Amino acid sequence: MDPVSLIDILTATRAESAGIDDAQRVVTRVSVDSRTLESGDLFWALCGAKHDGHRFTSEALRRGAVA
């Protein structure tokens, strides 16, 4: 994936930021699995049949997710 800013992702998806400090930060990858995150990644929290990804946002940030 080509690097893209958080503001561009928010605009393209018509999403709202939830406490993002720097919307100009660049995202290098997107992941829905907090265990695979690397610094600079965006964690996309999804609600599934067994798990709610929002439960893993703290772990995602500890692993270096930009949002």
PDB file of N, CA and C in Angstrom:
ATOM      1  N   MET A   1       0.838  -1.167   0.000  1.00  0.00           N
ATOM      2  CA  MET A   1       0.000   0.000   0.000  1.00  0.00           C
ATOM      3  C   MET A   1       0.886   1.234   0.000  1.00  0.00           C
ATOM      4  N   ASP A   2       0.531   2.213  -0.808  1.00  0.00           N
ATOM      5  CA  ASP A   2       1.247   3.481  -0.784  1.00  0.00           C
ATOM      6  C   ASP A   2       0.899   4.227   0.498  1.00  0.00           C
ATOM      7  N   PRO A   3       1.857   4.899   1.102  1.00  0.00           N
ATOM      8  CA  PRO A   3       1.556   5.667   2.311  1.00  0.00           C
ATOM      9  C   PRO A   3       0.473   6.711   2.043  1.00  0.00           C
ATOM     10  N   VAL A   4      -0.433   6.878   2.998  1.00  0.00           N
ATOM     11  CA  VAL A   4      -1.534   7.834   2.874  1.00  0.00           C
ATOM     12  C   VAL A   4      -1.794   8.445   4.249  1.00  0.00           C
ATOM     13  N   SER A   5      -2.243   9.689   4.277  1.00  0.00           N
ATOM     14  CA  SER A   5      -2.477  10.349   5.566  1.00  0.00           C
ATOM     15  C   SER A   5      -3.803   9.907   6.172  1.00  0.00           C
ATOM     16  N   LEU A   6      -3.888  10.028   7.484  1.00  0.00           N
ATOM     17  CA  LEU A   6      -5.132   9.693   8.180  1.00  0.00           C
ATOM     18  C   LEU A   6      -6.292  10.548   7.680  1.00  0.00           C
ATOM     19  N   ILE A   7      -6.043  11.831   7.411  1.00  0.00           N
ATOM     20  CA  ILE A   7      -7.121  12.706   6.947  1.00  0.00           C
ATOM     21  C   ILE A   7      -7.657  12.233   5.601  1.00  0.00           C
ATOM     22  N   ASP A   8      -6.788  11.731   4.736  1.00  0.00           N
ATOM     23  CA  ASP A   8      -7.244  11.198   3.447  1.00  0.00           C
ATOM     24  C   ASP A   8      -8.104   9.956   3.648  1.00  0.00           C
ATOM     25  N   ILE A   9      -7.731   9.107   4.593  1.00  0.00           N
ATOM     26  CA  ILE A   9      -8.527   7.908   4.887  1.00  0.00           C
ATOM     27  C   ILE A   9      -9.876   8.302   5.475  1.00  0.00           C
ATOM     28  N   LEU A  10      -9.870   9.240   6.417  1.00  0.00           N
ATOM     29  CA  LEU A  10     -11.123   9.704   7.014  1.00  0.00           C
ATOM     30  C   LEU A  10     -12.051  10.290   5.959  1.00  0.00           C
ATOM     31  N   THR A  11     -11.503  11.077   5.060  1.00  0.00           N
ATOM     32  CA  THR A  11     -12.305  11.697   4.005  1.00  0.00           C
ATOM     33  C   THR A  11     -12.865  10.645   3.059  1.00  0.00           C
ATOM     34  N   ALA A  12     -12.029   9.715   2.632  1.00  0.00           N
ATOM     35  CA  ALA A  12     -12.456   8.696   1.666  1.00  0.00           C
ATOM     36  C   ALA A  12     -13.518   7.761   2.235  1.00  0.00           C
ATOM     37  N   THR A  13     -13.458   7.502   3.532  1.00  0.00           N
ATOM     38  CA  THR A  13     -14.405   6.568   4.149  1.00  0.00           C
ATOM     39  C   THR A  13     -15.568   7.279   4.843  1.00  0.00           C
ATOM     40  N   ARG A  14     -15.530   8.603   4.815  1.00  0.00           N
ATOM     41  CA  ARG A  14     -16.558   9.419   5.492  1.00  0.00           C
ATOM     42  C   ARG A  14     -16.666   9.059   6.973  1.00  0.00           C
ATOM     43  N   ALA A  15     -15.518   8.761   7.552  1.00  0.00           N
ATOM     44  CA  ALA A  15     -15.455   8.387   8.969  1.00  0.00           C
ATOM     45  C   ALA A  15     -15.166   9.616   9.822  1.00  0.00           C
ATOM     46  N   GLU A  16     -15.396   9.475  11.105  1.00  0.00           N
ATOM     47  CA  GLU A  16     -15.083  10.537  12.056  1.00  0.00           C
ATOM     48  C   GLU A  16     -13.882  10.115  12.883  1.00  0.00           C
ATOM     49  N   SER A  17     -13.067  11.085  13.237  1.00  0.00           N
ATOM     50  CA  SER A  17     -11.918  10.761  14.077  1.00  0.00           C
ATOM     51  C   SER A  17     -12.362  10.640  15.520  1.00  0.00           C
ATOM     52  N   ALA A  18     -11.725   9.743  16.217  1.00  0.00           N
ATOM     53  CA  ALA A  18     -12.015   9.544  17.640  1.00  0.00           C
ATOM     54  C   ALA A  18     -10.757   9.862  18.426  1.00  0.00           C
ATOM     55  N   GLY A  19     -10.469  11.136  18.564  1.00  0.00           N
ATOM     56  CA  GLY A  19      -9.314  11.545  19.347  1.00  0.00           C
ATOM     57  C   GLY A  19      -7.992  11.462  18.621  1.00  0.00           C
ATOM     58  N   ILE A  20      -7.997  11.572  17.304  1.00  0.00           N
ATOM     59  CA  ILE A  20      -6.744  11.550  16.550  1.00  0.00           C
ATOM     60  C   ILE A  20      -6.054  12.894  16.726  1.00  0.00           C
ATOM     61  N   ASP A  21      -4.829  12.869  17.224  1.00  0.00           N
ATOM     62  CA  ASP A  21      -4.085  14.102  17.480  1.00  0.00           C
ATOM     63  C   ASP A  21      -3.528  14.731  16.208  1.00  0.00           C
ATOM     64  N   ASP A  22      -3.063  13.912  15.285  1.00  0.00           N
ATOM     65  CA  ASP A  22      -2.391  14.425  14.093  1.00  0.00           C
ATOM     66  C   ASP A  22      -2.939  13.730  12.855  1.00  0.00           C
ATOM     67  N   ALA A  23      -3.941  14.322  12.238  1.00  0.00           N
ATOM     68  CA  ALA A  23      -4.588  13.716  11.073  1.00  0.00           C
ATOM     69  C   ALA A  23      -3.685  13.703   9.848  1.00  0.00           C
ATOM     70  N   GLN A  24      -2.562  14.402   9.900  1.00  0.00           N
ATOM     71  CA  GLN A  24      -1.622  14.397   8.777  1.00  0.00           C
ATOM     72  C   GLN A  24      -0.635  13.231   8.859  1.00  0.00           C
ATOM     73  N   ARG A  25      -0.689  12.470   9.958  1.00  0.00           N
ATOM     74  CA  ARG A  25       0.210  11.309  10.088  1.00  0.00           C
ATOM     75  C   ARG A  25      -0.006  10.353   8.932  1.00  0.00           C
ATOM     76  N   VAL A  26       1.053   9.738   8.524  1.00  0.00           N
ATOM     77  CA  VAL A  26       1.011   8.828   7.382  1.00  0.00           C
ATOM     78  C   VAL A  26       0.837   7.394   7.861  1.00  0.00           C
ATOM     79  N   VAL A  27      -0.039   6.680   7.172  1.00  0.00           N
ATOM     80  CA  VAL A  27      -0.308   5.266   7.444  1.00  0.00           C
ATOM     81  C   VAL A  27       0.415   4.449   6.385  1.00  0.00           C
ATOM     82  N   THR A  28       1.107   3.407   6.816  1.00  0.00           N
ATOM     83  CA  THR A  28       1.839   2.568   5.875  1.00  0.00           C
ATOM     84  C   THR A  28       1.116   1.273   5.538  1.00  0.00           C
ATOM     85  N   ARG A  29       0.297   0.772   6.501  1.00  0.00           N
ATOM     86  CA  ARG A  29      -0.488  -0.440   6.278  1.00  0.00           C
ATOM     87  C   ARG A  29      -1.761  -0.353   7.102  1.00  0.00           C
ATOM     88  N   VAL A  30      -2.732  -1.193   6.754  1.00  0.00           N
ATOM     89  CA  VAL A  30      -3.980  -1.297   7.515  1.00  0.00           C
ATOM     90  C   VAL A  30      -4.136  -2.747   7.951  1.00  0.00           C
ATOM     91  N   SER A  31      -4.562  -2.937   9.210  1.00  0.00           N
ATOM     92  CA  SER A  31      -4.766  -4.290   9.717  1.00  0.00           C
ATOM     93  C   SER A  31      -5.981  -4.325  10.630  1.00  0.00           C
ATOM     94  N   VAL A  32      -6.683  -5.438  10.604  1.00  0.00           N
ATOM     95  CA  VAL A  32      -7.802  -5.667  11.522  1.00  0.00           C
ATOM     96  C   VAL A  32      -7.393  -6.616  12.648  1.00  0.00           C
ATOM     97  N   ASP A  33      -6.142  -7.055  12.634  1.00  0.00           N
ATOM     98  CA  ASP A  33      -5.622  -7.990  13.637  1.00  0.00           C
ATOM     99  C   ASP A  33      -4.530  -7.293  14.444  1.00  0.00           C
ATOM    100  N   SER A  34      -4.819  -6.961  15.690  1.00  0.00           N
ATOM    101  CA  SER A  34      -3.859  -6.221  16.516  1.00  0.00           C
ATOM    102  C   SER A  34      -2.546  -6.974  16.702  1.00  0.00           C
ATOM    103  N   ARG A  35      -2.556  -8.277  16.539  1.00  0.00           N
ATOM    104  CA  ARG A  35      -1.337  -9.078  16.723  1.00  0.00           C
ATOM    105  C   ARG A  35      -0.348  -8.900  15.582  1.00  0.00           C
ATOM    106  N   THR A  36      -0.795  -8.387  14.442  1.00  0.00           N
ATOM    107  CA  THR A  36       0.080  -8.252  13.277  1.00  0.00           C
ATOM    108  C   THR A  36       0.569  -6.830  13.062  1.00  0.00           C
ATOM    109  N   LEU A  37       0.192  -5.913  13.934  1.00  0.00           N
ATOM    110  CA  LEU A  37       0.504  -4.502  13.733  1.00  0.00           C
ATOM    111  C   LEU A  37       1.978  -4.193  13.894  1.00  0.00           C
ATOM    112  N   GLU A  38       2.409  -3.210  13.097  1.00  0.00           N
ATOM    113  CA  GLU A  38       3.753  -2.665  13.190  1.00  0.00           C
ATOM    114  C   GLU A  38       3.627  -1.155  13.307  1.00  0.00           C
ATOM    115  N   SER A  39       4.695  -0.506  13.691  1.00  0.00           N
ATOM    116  CA  SER A  39       4.691   0.943  13.817  1.00  0.00           C
ATOM    117  C   SER A  39       4.262   1.588  12.499  1.00  0.00           C
ATOM    118  N   GLY A  40       3.343   2.548  12.583  1.00  0.00           N
ATOM    119  CA  GLY A  40       2.867   3.242  11.393  1.00  0.00           C
ATOM    120  C   GLY A  40       1.619   2.658  10.781  1.00  0.00           C
ATOM    121  N   ASP A  41       1.141   1.535  11.311  1.00  0.00           N
ATOM    122  CA  ASP A  41      -0.065   0.893  10.776  1.00  0.00           C
ATOM    123  C   ASP A  41      -1.327   1.547  11.326  1.00  0.00           C
ATOM    124  N   LEU A  42      -2.415   1.357  10.615  1.00  0.00           N
ATOM    125  CA  LEU A  42      -3.739   1.767  11.071  1.00  0.00           C
ATOM    126  C   LEU A  42      -4.487   0.523  11.516  1.00  0.00           C
ATOM    127  N   PHE A  43      -5.027   0.551  12.727  1.00  0.00           N
ATOM    128  CA  PHE A  43      -5.827  -0.562  13.232  1.00  0.00           C
ATOM    129  C   PHE A  43      -7.285  -0.259  12.961  1.00  0.00           C
ATOM    130  N   TRP A  44      -7.926  -1.127  12.202  1.00  0.00           N
ATOM    131  CA  TRP A  44      -9.335  -0.979  11.861  1.00  0.00           C
ATOM    132  C   TRP A  44     -10.104  -1.960  12.735  1.00  0.00           C
ATOM    133  N   ALA A  45     -10.767  -1.450  13.759  1.00  0.00           N
ATOM    134  CA  ALA A  45     -11.480  -2.302  14.720  1.00  0.00           C
ATOM    135  C   ALA A  45     -12.827  -2.727  14.154  1.00  0.00           C
ATOM    136  N   LEU A  46     -12.989  -4.014  13.954  1.00  0.00           N
ATOM    137  CA  LEU A  46     -14.238  -4.563  13.430  1.00  0.00           C
ATOM    138  C   LEU A  46     -14.950  -5.373  14.504  1.00  0.00           C
ATOM    139  N   CYS A  47     -16.257  -5.412  14.405  1.00  0.00           N
ATOM    140  CA  CYS A  47     -17.059  -6.262  15.292  1.00  0.00           C
ATOM    141  C   CYS A  47     -17.411  -7.529  14.526  1.00  0.00           C
ATOM    142  N   GLY A  48     -16.988  -8.668  15.050  1.00  0.00           N
ATOM    143  CA  GLY A  48     -17.274  -9.941  14.407  1.00  0.00           C
ATOM    144  C   GLY A  48     -18.240 -10.768  15.226  1.00  0.00           C
ATOM    145  N   ALA A  49     -18.456 -11.990  14.788  1.00  0.00           N
ATOM    146  CA  ALA A  49     -19.383 -12.891  15.476  1.00  0.00           C
ATOM    147  C   ALA A  49     -18.874 -13.272  16.869  1.00  0.00           C
ATOM    148  N   LYS A  50     -17.539 -13.358  17.022  1.00  0.00           N
ATOM    149  CA  LYS A  50     -16.971 -13.793  18.297  1.00  0.00           C
ATOM    150  C   LYS A  50     -16.239 -12.688  19.053  1.00  0.00           C
ATOM    151  N   HIS A  51     -15.727 -11.682  18.354  1.00  0.00           N
ATOM    152  CA  HIS A  51     -14.905 -10.660  19.002  1.00  0.00           C
ATOM    153  C   HIS A  51     -15.290  -9.268  18.526  1.00  0.00           C
ATOM    154  N   ASP A  52     -15.114  -8.309  19.415  1.00  0.00           N
ATOM    155  CA  ASP A  52     -15.276  -6.895  19.089  1.00  0.00           C
ATOM    156  C   ASP A  52     -13.881  -6.288  19.055  1.00  0.00           C
ATOM    157  N   GLY A  53     -13.443  -5.884  17.875  1.00  0.00           N
ATOM    158  CA  GLY A  53     -12.102  -5.347  17.707  1.00  0.00           C
ATOM    159  C   GLY A  53     -11.796  -4.146  18.578  1.00  0.00           C
ATOM    160  N   HIS A  54     -12.819  -3.444  19.021  1.00  0.00           N
ATOM    161  CA  HIS A  54     -12.601  -2.287  19.882  1.00  0.00           C
ATOM    162  C   HIS A  54     -11.941  -2.680  21.207  1.00  0.00           C
ATOM    163  N   ARG A  55     -12.091  -3.928  21.604  1.00  0.00           N
ATOM    164  CA  ARG A  55     -11.448  -4.411  22.831  1.00  0.00           C
ATOM    165  C   ARG A  55      -9.925  -4.445  22.705  1.00  0.00           C
ATOM    166  N   PHE A  56      -9.422  -4.394  21.479  1.00  0.00           N
ATOM    167  CA  PHE A  56      -7.989  -4.541  21.239  1.00  0.00           C
ATOM    168  C   PHE A  56      -7.305  -3.230  20.849  1.00  0.00           C
ATOM    169  N   THR A  57      -8.003  -2.101  20.975  1.00  0.00           N
ATOM    170  CA  THR A  57      -7.409  -0.830  20.557  1.00  0.00           C
ATOM    171  C   THR A  57      -6.201  -0.447  21.410  1.00  0.00           C
ATOM    172  N   SER A  58      -6.246  -0.707  22.699  1.00  0.00           N
ATOM    173  CA  SER A  58      -5.094  -0.389  23.557  1.00  0.00           C
ATOM    174  C   SER A  58      -3.873  -1.188  23.130  1.00  0.00           C
ATOM    175  N   GLU A  59      -4.068  -2.455  22.834  1.00  0.00           N
ATOM    176  CA  GLU A  59      -2.965  -3.301  22.361  1.00  0.00           C
ATOM    177  C   GLU A  59      -2.435  -2.784  21.029  1.00  0.00           C
ATOM    178  N   ALA A  60      -3.322  -2.371  20.154  1.00  0.00           N
ATOM    179  CA  ALA A  60      -2.911  -1.844  18.849  1.00  0.00           C
ATOM    180  C   ALA A  60      -2.025  -0.612  19.019  1.00  0.00           C
ATOM    181  N   LEU A  61      -2.411   0.280  19.890  1.00  0.00           N
ATOM    182  CA  LEU A  61      -1.614   1.484  20.130  1.00  0.00           C
ATOM    183  C   LEU A  61      -0.271   1.139  20.755  1.00  0.00           C
ATOM    184  N   ARG A  62      -0.238   0.156  21.652  1.00  0.00           N
ATOM    185  CA  ARG A  62       1.036  -0.281  22.244  1.00  0.00           C
ATOM    186  C   ARG A  62       1.977  -0.844  21.184  1.00  0.00           C
ATOM    187  N   ARG A  63       1.414  -1.442  20.162  1.00  0.00           N
ATOM    188  CA  ARG A  63       2.236  -2.032  19.098  1.00  0.00           C
ATOM    189  C   ARG A  63       2.663  -1.007  18.049  1.00  0.00           C
ATOM    190  N   GLY A  64       2.221   0.244  18.196  1.00  0.00           N
ATOM    191  CA  GLY A  64       2.687   1.295  17.291  1.00  0.00           C
ATOM    192  C   GLY A  64       1.688   1.771  16.263  1.00  0.00           C
ATOM    193  N   ALA A  65       0.440   1.334  16.370  1.00  0.00           N
ATOM    194  CA  ALA A  65      -0.572   1.814  15.423  1.00  0.00           C
ATOM    195  C   ALA A  65      -0.720   3.326  15.560  1.00  0.00           C
ATOM    196  N   VAL A  66      -0.887   4.014  14.427  1.00  0.00           N
ATOM    197  CA  VAL A  66      -1.043   5.469  14.469  1.00  0.00           C
ATOM    198  C   VAL A  66      -2.469   5.850  14.824  1.00  0.00           C
ATOM    199  N   ALA A  67      -3.378   4.945  14.622  1.00  0.00           N
ATOM    200  CA  ALA A  67      -4.793   5.171  14.985  1.00  0.00           C
ATOM    201  C   ALA A  67      -5.510   3.843  14.941  1.00  0.00           C
TER     202      ALA A  67
END
